[in-house]
Amino acid sequence: MAEQLRERLKNEMSKYKRRQNIVEHPFGTIKRTMVFYYLVTRKFKMVRGEVSIALFTYNLKRVISVMGIEGLMSRIMGKMQLKVA
């Protein structure tokens, strides 16, 4: 089993590197910069909530870095005005 895994990894190294760049970066960022190394809560429902907050925070930080605070706030306010009118 382990030998098969090593062989597959060797043959598909480009896929593995691509996955590292795309998927593993957010989790590394969440762990290191947001100091999210372990879960405080127990039970599935509570853990799911805790992880959801961490992922929401990461996504919000990304949006702010791309759009800026002003862009984000104007987008939010624009959506709110559309709902009311």
PDB file of N, CA and C in Angstrom:
ATOM      1  N   MET A   1       0.822  -1.195   0.000  1.00  0.00           N
ATOM      2  CA  MET A   1       0.000   0.000   0.000  1.00  0.00           C
ATOM      3  C   MET A   1       0.867   1.260   0.000  1.00  0.00           C
ATOM      4  N   ALA A   2       1.814   1.327   0.912  1.00  0.00           N
ATOM      5  CA  ALA A   2       2.674   2.505   0.983  1.00  0.00           C
ATOM      6  C   ALA A   2       3.519   2.637  -0.275  1.00  0.00           C
ATOM      7  N   GLU A   3       3.958   1.512  -0.792  1.00  0.00           N
ATOM      8  CA  GLU A   3       4.766   1.539  -2.022  1.00  0.00           C
ATOM      9  C   GLU A   3       3.950   2.042  -3.205  1.00  0.00           C
ATOM     10  N   GLN A   4       2.696   1.648  -3.280  1.00  0.00           N
ATOM     11  CA  GLN A   4       1.815   2.133  -4.348  1.00  0.00           C
ATOM     12  C   GLN A   4       1.629   3.643  -4.248  1.00  0.00           C
ATOM     13  N   LEU A   5       1.466   4.127  -3.029  1.00  0.00           N
ATOM     14  CA  LEU A   5       1.298   5.560  -2.807  1.00  0.00           C
ATOM     15  C   LEU A   5       2.545   6.330  -3.225  1.00  0.00           C
ATOM     16  N   ARG A   6       3.714   5.814  -2.860  1.00  0.00           N
ATOM     17  CA  ARG A   6       4.969   6.467  -3.264  1.00  0.00           C
ATOM     18  C   ARG A   6       5.115   6.504  -4.781  1.00  0.00           C
ATOM     19  N   GLU A   7       4.766   5.403  -5.431  1.00  0.00           N
ATOM     20  CA  GLU A   7       4.865   5.317  -6.896  1.00  0.00           C
ATOM     21  C   GLU A   7       3.897   6.303  -7.563  1.00  0.00           C
ATOM     22  N   ARG A   8       2.679   6.361  -7.047  1.00  0.00           N
ATOM     23  CA  ARG A   8       1.695   7.295  -7.602  1.00  0.00           C
ATOM     24  C   ARG A   8       2.141   8.743  -7.415  1.00  0.00           C
ATOM     25  N   LEU A   9       2.679   9.036  -6.254  1.00  0.00           N
ATOM     26  CA  LEU A   9       3.179  10.379  -5.979  1.00  0.00           C
ATOM     27  C   LEU A   9       4.311  10.740  -6.928  1.00  0.00           C
ATOM     28  N   LYS A  10       5.213   9.793  -7.151  1.00  0.00           N
ATOM     29  CA  LYS A  10       6.339  10.037  -8.051  1.00  0.00           C
ATOM     30  C   LYS A  10       5.845  10.308  -9.479  1.00  0.00           C
ATOM     31  N   ASN A  11       4.851   9.565  -9.919  1.00  0.00           N
ATOM     32  CA  ASN A  11       4.332   9.708 -11.283  1.00  0.00           C
ATOM     33  C   ASN A  11       3.469  10.955 -11.471  1.00  0.00           C
ATOM     34  N   GLU A  12       2.857  11.432 -10.402  1.00  0.00           N
ATOM     35  CA  GLU A  12       1.935  12.557 -10.511  1.00  0.00           C
ATOM     36  C   GLU A  12       2.395  13.743  -9.674  1.00  0.00           C
ATOM     37  N   MET A  13       3.682  14.005  -9.653  1.00  0.00           N
ATOM     38  CA  MET A  13       4.240  15.080  -8.833  1.00  0.00           C
ATOM     39  C   MET A  13       3.689  16.440  -9.237  1.00  0.00           C
ATOM     40  N   SER A  14       3.438  16.659 -10.524  1.00  0.00           N
ATOM     41  CA  SER A  14       2.912  17.957 -10.960  1.00  0.00           C
ATOM     42  C   SER A  14       1.533  18.215 -10.358  1.00  0.00           C
ATOM     43  N   LYS A  15       0.685  17.180 -10.281  1.00  0.00           N
ATOM     44  CA  LYS A  15      -0.636  17.332  -9.656  1.00  0.00           C
ATOM     45  C   LYS A  15      -0.496  17.643  -8.170  1.00  0.00           C
ATOM     46  N   TYR A  16       0.431  16.966  -7.527  1.00  0.00           N
ATOM     47  CA  TYR A  16       0.651  17.189  -6.105  1.00  0.00           C
ATOM     48  C   TYR A  16       1.124  18.616  -5.837  1.00  0.00           C
ATOM     49  N   LYS A  17       2.062  19.111  -6.642  1.00  0.00           N
ATOM     50  CA  LYS A  17       2.565  20.477  -6.469  1.00  0.00           C
ATOM     51  C   LYS A  17       1.457  21.492  -6.702  1.00  0.00           C
ATOM     52  N   ARG A  18       0.621  21.230  -7.704  1.00  0.00           N
ATOM     53  CA  ARG A  18      -0.505  22.132  -7.997  1.00  0.00           C
ATOM     54  C   ARG A  18      -1.471  22.163  -6.818  1.00  0.00           C
ATOM     55  N   ARG A  19      -1.744  21.007  -6.255  1.00  0.00           N
ATOM     56  CA  ARG A  19      -2.633  20.933  -5.097  1.00  0.00           C
ATOM     57  C   ARG A  19      -2.048  21.700  -3.919  1.00  0.00           C
ATOM     58  N   GLN A  20      -0.748  21.571  -3.711  1.00  0.00           N
ATOM     59  CA  GLN A  20      -0.103  22.306  -2.624  1.00  0.00           C
ATOM     60  C   GLN A  20      -0.308  23.806  -2.798  1.00  0.00           C
ATOM     61  N   ASN A  21      -0.153  24.295  -4.013  1.00  0.00           N
ATOM     62  CA  ASN A  21      -0.269  25.728  -4.262  1.00  0.00           C
ATOM     63  C   ASN A  21      -1.691  26.236  -4.122  1.00  0.00           C
ATOM     64  N   ILE A  22      -2.661  25.438  -4.530  1.00  0.00           N
ATOM     65  CA  ILE A  22      -4.045  25.896  -4.539  1.00  0.00           C
ATOM     66  C   ILE A  22      -4.754  25.629  -3.220  1.00  0.00           C
ATOM     67  N   VAL A  23      -4.691  24.418  -2.745  1.00  0.00           N
ATOM     68  CA  VAL A  23      -5.520  23.988  -1.624  1.00  0.00           C
ATOM     69  C   VAL A  23      -4.848  24.197  -0.278  1.00  0.00           C
ATOM     70  N   GLU A  24      -3.600  23.875  -0.179  1.00  0.00           N
ATOM     71  CA  GLU A  24      -2.972  23.873   1.131  1.00  0.00           C
ATOM     72  C   GLU A  24      -2.570  25.264   1.615  1.00  0.00           C
ATOM     73  N   HIS A  25      -2.480  26.228   0.734  1.00  0.00           N
ATOM     74  CA  HIS A  25      -2.113  27.588   1.141  1.00  0.00           C
ATOM     75  C   HIS A  25      -3.103  28.188   2.130  1.00  0.00           C
ATOM     76  N   PRO A  26      -4.422  28.130   1.867  1.00  0.00           N
ATOM     77  CA  PRO A  26      -5.353  28.702   2.852  1.00  0.00           C
ATOM     78  C   PRO A  26      -5.247  28.054   4.225  1.00  0.00           C
ATOM     79  N   PHE A  27      -5.076  26.741   4.272  1.00  0.00           N
ATOM     80  CA  PHE A  27      -4.997  26.072   5.563  1.00  0.00           C
ATOM     81  C   PHE A  27      -3.712  26.435   6.297  1.00  0.00           C
ATOM     82  N   GLY A  28      -2.622  26.576   5.577  1.00  0.00           N
ATOM     83  CA  GLY A  28      -1.380  27.020   6.199  1.00  0.00           C
ATOM     84  C   GLY A  28      -1.495  28.434   6.732  1.00  0.00           C
ATOM     85  N   THR A  29      -2.143  29.292   5.962  1.00  0.00           N
ATOM     86  CA  THR A  29      -2.360  30.679   6.392  1.00  0.00           C
ATOM     87  C   THR A  29      -3.236  30.725   7.629  1.00  0.00           C
ATOM     88  N   ILE A  30      -4.307  29.960   7.618  1.00  0.00           N
ATOM     89  CA  ILE A  30      -5.205  29.940   8.774  1.00  0.00           C
ATOM     90  C   ILE A  30      -4.453  29.448  10.009  1.00  0.00           C
ATOM     91  N   LYS A  31      -3.640  28.425   9.858  1.00  0.00           N
ATOM     92  CA  LYS A  31      -2.916  27.894  11.007  1.00  0.00           C
ATOM     93  C   LYS A  31      -1.863  28.872  11.519  1.00  0.00           C
ATOM     94  N   ARG A  32      -1.068  29.442  10.621  1.00  0.00           N
ATOM     95  CA  ARG A  32       0.066  30.257  11.064  1.00  0.00           C
ATOM     96  C   ARG A  32      -0.315  31.685  11.411  1.00  0.00           C
ATOM     97  N   THR A  33      -0.964  32.392  10.516  1.00  0.00           N
ATOM     98  CA  THR A  33      -1.216  33.816  10.769  1.00  0.00           C
ATOM     99  C   THR A  33      -2.398  34.062  11.686  1.00  0.00           C
ATOM    100  N   MET A  34      -3.334  33.110  11.711  1.00  0.00           N
ATOM    101  CA  MET A  34      -4.506  33.280  12.565  1.00  0.00           C
ATOM    102  C   MET A  34      -4.402  32.450  13.840  1.00  0.00           C
ATOM    103  N   VAL A  35      -3.271  31.761  14.027  1.00  0.00           N
ATOM    104  CA  VAL A  35      -2.985  30.943  15.208  1.00  0.00           C
ATOM    105  C   VAL A  35      -4.155  29.986  15.502  1.00  0.00           C
ATOM    106  N   PHE A  36      -4.531  29.243  14.489  1.00  0.00           N
ATOM    107  CA  PHE A  36      -5.623  28.274  14.606  1.00  0.00           C
ATOM    108  C   PHE A  36      -5.029  26.882  14.533  1.00  0.00           C
ATOM    109  N   TYR A  37      -4.318  26.499  15.587  1.00  0.00           N
ATOM    110  CA  TYR A  37      -3.609  25.226  15.608  1.00  0.00           C
ATOM    111  C   TYR A  37      -4.457  24.078  16.135  1.00  0.00           C
ATOM    112  N   TYR A  38      -5.443  24.361  16.948  1.00  0.00           N
ATOM    113  CA  TYR A  38      -6.253  23.306  17.537  1.00  0.00           C
ATOM    114  C   TYR A  38      -7.664  23.831  17.755  1.00  0.00           C
ATOM    115  N   LEU A  39      -8.581  22.929  17.989  1.00  0.00           N
ATOM    116  CA  LEU A  39      -9.977  23.283  18.231  1.00  0.00           C
ATOM    117  C   LEU A  39     -10.216  23.377  19.726  1.00  0.00           C
ATOM    118  N   VAL A  40     -10.975  24.368  20.129  1.00  0.00           N
ATOM    119  CA  VAL A  40     -11.273  24.574  21.538  1.00  0.00           C
ATOM    120  C   VAL A  40     -12.511  23.784  21.937  1.00  0.00           C
ATOM    121  N   THR A  41     -13.472  23.688  21.027  1.00  0.00           N
ATOM    122  CA  THR A  41     -14.744  23.042  21.346  1.00  0.00           C
ATOM    123  C   THR A  41     -14.708  21.545  21.064  1.00  0.00           C
ATOM    124  N   ARG A  42     -15.746  20.865  21.514  1.00  0.00           N
ATOM    125  CA  ARG A  42     -15.944  19.446  21.262  1.00  0.00           C
ATOM    126  C   ARG A  42     -17.347  19.264  20.689  1.00  0.00           C
ATOM    127  N   LYS A  43     -17.641  18.111  20.218  1.00  0.00           N
ATOM    128  CA  LYS A  43     -18.898  17.733  19.573  1.00  0.00           C
ATOM    129  C   LYS A  43     -18.956  18.351  18.173  1.00  0.00           C
ATOM    130  N   PHE A  44     -19.483  17.567  17.249  1.00  0.00           N
ATOM    131  CA  PHE A  44     -19.413  17.930  15.831  1.00  0.00           C
ATOM    132  C   PHE A  44     -20.043  19.294  15.535  1.00  0.00           C
ATOM    133  N   LYS A  45     -21.188  19.565  16.080  1.00  0.00           N
ATOM    134  CA  LYS A  45     -21.889  20.829  15.806  1.00  0.00           C
ATOM    135  C   LYS A  45     -21.053  22.034  16.235  1.00  0.00           C
ATOM    136  N   MET A  46     -20.449  21.960  17.396  1.00  0.00           N
ATOM    137  CA  MET A  46     -19.634  23.063  17.906  1.00  0.00           C
ATOM    138  C   MET A  46     -18.335  23.206  17.111  1.00  0.00           C
ATOM    139  N   VAL A  47     -17.713  22.088  16.778  1.00  0.00           N
ATOM    140  CA  VAL A  47     -16.477  22.111  15.991  1.00  0.00           C
ATOM    141  C   VAL A  47     -16.756  22.709  14.619  1.00  0.00           C
ATOM    142  N   ARG A  48     -17.868  22.317  14.012  1.00  0.00           N
ATOM    143  CA  ARG A  48     -18.243  22.857  12.711  1.00  0.00           C
ATOM    144  C   ARG A  48     -18.406  24.374  12.783  1.00  0.00           C
ATOM    145  N   GLY A  49     -19.012  24.863  13.846  1.00  0.00           N
ATOM    146  CA  GLY A  49     -19.158  26.303  14.024  1.00  0.00           C
ATOM    147  C   GLY A  49     -17.820  27.002  14.186  1.00  0.00           C
ATOM    148  N   GLU A  50     -16.933  26.410  14.958  1.00  0.00           N
ATOM    149  CA  GLU A  50     -15.612  26.991  15.187  1.00  0.00           C
ATOM    150  C   GLU A  50     -14.801  27.055  13.889  1.00  0.00           C
ATOM    151  N   VAL A  51     -14.830  25.980  13.118  1.00  0.00           N
ATOM    152  CA  VAL A  51     -14.117  25.960  11.846  1.00  0.00           C
ATOM    153  C   VAL A  51     -14.751  26.936  10.859  1.00  0.00           C
ATOM    154  N   SER A  52     -16.075  27.037  10.870  1.00  0.00           N
ATOM    155  CA  SER A  52     -16.764  27.986   9.979  1.00  0.00           C
ATOM    156  C   SER A  52     -16.344  29.416  10.269  1.00  0.00           C
ATOM    157  N   ILE A  53     -16.206  29.758  11.524  1.00  0.00           N
ATOM    158  CA  ILE A  53     -15.756  31.107  11.885  1.00  0.00           C
ATOM    159  C   ILE A  53     -14.342  31.346  11.374  1.00  0.00           C
ATOM    160  N   ALA A  54     -13.461  30.373  11.529  1.00  0.00           N
ATOM    161  CA  ALA A  54     -12.076  30.524  11.058  1.00  0.00           C
ATOM    162  C   ALA A  54     -12.044  30.694   9.537  1.00  0.00           C
ATOM    163  N   LEU A  55     -12.833  29.900   8.813  1.00  0.00           N
ATOM    164  CA  LEU A  55     -12.850  30.007   7.353  1.00  0.00           C
ATOM    165  C   LEU A  55     -13.486  31.314   6.897  1.00  0.00           C
ATOM    166  N   PHE A  56     -14.538  31.765   7.572  1.00  0.00           N
ATOM    167  CA  PHE A  56     -15.150  33.047   7.241  1.00  0.00           C
ATOM    168  C   PHE A  56     -14.147  34.181   7.450  1.00  0.00           C
ATOM    169  N   THR A  57     -13.420  34.129   8.545  1.00  0.00           N
ATOM    170  CA  THR A  57     -12.425  35.160   8.830  1.00  0.00           C
ATOM    171  C   THR A  57     -11.345  35.183   7.763  1.00  0.00           C
ATOM    172  N   TYR A  58     -10.882  34.018   7.348  1.00  0.00           N
ATOM    173  CA  TYR A  58      -9.884  33.945   6.276  1.00  0.00           C
ATOM    174  C   TYR A  58     -10.435  34.566   4.994  1.00  0.00           C
ATOM    175  N   ASN A  59     -11.659  34.193   4.625  1.00  0.00           N
ATOM    176  CA  ASN A  59     -12.261  34.730   3.401  1.00  0.00           C
ATOM    177  C   ASN A  59     -12.459  36.236   3.486  1.00  0.00           C
ATOM    178  N   LEU A  60     -12.866  36.730   4.645  1.00  0.00           N
ATOM    179  CA  LEU A  60     -13.043  38.172   4.822  1.00  0.00           C
ATOM    180  C   LEU A  60     -11.709  38.907   4.685  1.00  0.00           C
ATOM    181  N   LYS A  61     -10.650  38.352   5.257  1.00  0.00           N
ATOM    182  CA  LYS A  61      -9.324  38.958   5.115  1.00  0.00           C
ATOM    183  C   LYS A  61      -8.885  38.996   3.656  1.00  0.00           C
ATOM    184  N   ARG A  62      -9.199  37.930   2.905  1.00  0.00           N
ATOM    185  CA  ARG A  62      -8.864  37.889   1.472  1.00  0.00           C
ATOM    186  C   ARG A  62      -9.635  38.952   0.695  1.00  0.00           C
ATOM    187  N   VAL A  63     -10.927  39.078   0.990  1.00  0.00           N
ATOM    188  CA  VAL A  63     -11.748  40.083   0.302  1.00  0.00           C
ATOM    189  C   VAL A  63     -11.212  41.479   0.585  1.00  0.00           C
ATOM    190  N   ILE A  64     -10.854  41.737   1.828  1.00  0.00           N
ATOM    191  CA  ILE A  64     -10.321  43.054   2.182  1.00  0.00           C
ATOM    192  C   ILE A  64      -8.998  43.295   1.474  1.00  0.00           C
ATOM    193  N   SER A  65      -8.158  42.283   1.359  1.00  0.00           N
ATOM    194  CA  SER A  65      -6.873  42.484   0.681  1.00  0.00           C
ATOM    195  C   SER A  65      -7.061  42.708  -0.817  1.00  0.00           C
ATOM    196  N   VAL A  66      -8.100  42.141  -1.404  1.00  0.00           N
ATOM    197  CA  VAL A  66      -8.334  42.317  -2.838  1.00  0.00           C
ATOM    198  C   VAL A  66      -9.094  43.606  -3.119  1.00  0.00           C
ATOM    199  N   MET A  67     -10.189  43.843  -2.398  1.00  0.00           N
ATOM    200  CA  MET A  67     -11.064  44.982  -2.680  1.00  0.00           C
ATOM    201  C   MET A  67     -10.739  46.215  -1.842  1.00  0.00           C
ATOM    202  N   GLY A  68     -10.146  46.026  -0.692  1.00  0.00           N
ATOM    203  CA  GLY A  68      -9.941  47.119   0.243  1.00  0.00           C
ATOM    204  C   GLY A  68     -11.202  47.332   1.065  1.00  0.00           C
ATOM    205  N   ILE A  69     -11.048  48.034   2.175  1.00  0.00           N
ATOM    206  CA  ILE A  69     -12.193  48.292   3.059  1.00  0.00           C
ATOM    207  C   ILE A  69     -13.245  49.126   2.339  1.00  0.00           C
ATOM    208  N   GLU A  70     -12.792  50.177   1.632  1.00  0.00           N
ATOM    209  CA  GLU A  70     -13.741  51.057   0.956  1.00  0.00           C
ATOM    210  C   GLU A  70     -14.542  50.305  -0.104  1.00  0.00           C
ATOM    211  N   GLY A  71     -13.866  49.484  -0.889  1.00  0.00           N
ATOM    212  CA  GLY A  71     -14.554  48.710  -1.923  1.00  0.00           C
ATOM    213  C   GLY A  71     -15.553  47.731  -1.329  1.00  0.00           C
ATOM    214  N   LEU A  72     -15.167  47.074  -0.255  1.00  0.00           N
ATOM    215  CA  LEU A  72     -16.055  46.127   0.403  1.00  0.00           C
ATOM    216  C   LEU A  72     -17.275  46.840   0.977  1.00  0.00           C
ATOM    217  N   MET A  73     -17.040  47.947   1.668  1.00  0.00           N
ATOM    218  CA  MET A  73     -18.152  48.669   2.274  1.00  0.00           C
ATOM    219  C   MET A  73     -19.092  49.247   1.222  1.00  0.00           C
ATOM    220  N   SER A  74     -18.551  49.776   0.141  1.00  0.00           N
ATOM    221  CA  SER A  74     -19.429  50.310  -0.907  1.00  0.00           C
ATOM    222  C   SER A  74     -20.242  49.195  -1.551  1.00  0.00           C
ATOM    223  N   ARG A  75     -19.646  48.021  -1.709  1.00  0.00           N
ATOM    224  CA  ARG A  75     -20.370  46.873  -2.260  1.00  0.00           C
ATOM    225  C   ARG A  75     -21.483  46.426  -1.319  1.00  0.00           C
ATOM    226  N   ILE A  76     -21.182  46.388  -0.019  1.00  0.00           N
ATOM    227  CA  ILE A  76     -22.198  46.002   0.968  1.00  0.00           C
ATOM    228  C   ILE A  76     -23.327  47.023   0.987  1.00  0.00           C
ATOM    229  N   MET A  77     -22.969  48.298   1.017  1.00  0.00           N
ATOM    230  CA  MET A  77     -24.001  49.342   1.068  1.00  0.00           C
ATOM    231  C   MET A  77     -24.836  49.359  -0.209  1.00  0.00           C
ATOM    232  N   GLY A  78     -24.199  49.107  -1.335  1.00  0.00           N
ATOM    233  CA  GLY A  78     -24.936  49.036  -2.597  1.00  0.00           C
ATOM    234  C   GLY A  78     -25.944  47.906  -2.594  1.00  0.00           C
ATOM    235  N   LYS A  79     -25.558  46.749  -2.062  1.00  0.00           N
ATOM    236  CA  LYS A  79     -26.482  45.611  -1.966  1.00  0.00           C
ATOM    237  C   LYS A  79     -27.612  45.909  -1.010  1.00  0.00           C
ATOM    238  N   MET A  80     -27.308  46.597   0.086  1.00  0.00           N
ATOM    239  CA  MET A  80     -28.349  46.901   1.062  1.00  0.00           C
ATOM    240  C   MET A  80     -29.369  47.865   0.452  1.00  0.00           C
ATOM    241  N   GLN A  81     -28.910  48.836  -0.316  1.00  0.00           N
ATOM    242  CA  GLN A  81     -29.829  49.775  -0.939  1.00  0.00           C
ATOM    243  C   GLN A  81     -30.714  49.076  -1.959  1.00  0.00           C
ATOM    244  N   LEU A  82     -30.169  48.101  -2.674  1.00  0.00           N
ATOM    245  CA  LEU A  82     -30.951  47.380  -3.663  1.00  0.00           C
ATOM    246  C   LEU A  82     -32.062  46.559  -3.007  1.00  0.00           C
ATOM    247  N   LYS A  83     -31.796  46.008  -1.857  1.00  0.00           N
ATOM    248  CA  LYS A  83     -32.797  45.199  -1.163  1.00  0.00           C
ATOM    249  C   LYS A  83     -33.922  46.061  -0.631  1.00  0.00           C
ATOM    250  N   VAL A  84     -33.606  47.254  -0.135  1.00  0.00           N
ATOM    251  CA  VAL A  84     -34.607  48.115   0.470  1.00  0.00           C
ATOM    252  C   VAL A  84     -35.502  48.734  -0.596  1.00  0.00           C
ATOM    253  N   ALA A  85     -34.914  49.146  -1.718  1.00  0.00           N
ATOM    254  CA  ALA A  85     -35.674  49.854  -2.743  1.00  0.00           C
ATOM    255  C   ALA A  85     -36.618  48.995  -3.516  1.00  0.00           C
TER     256      ALA A  85
END
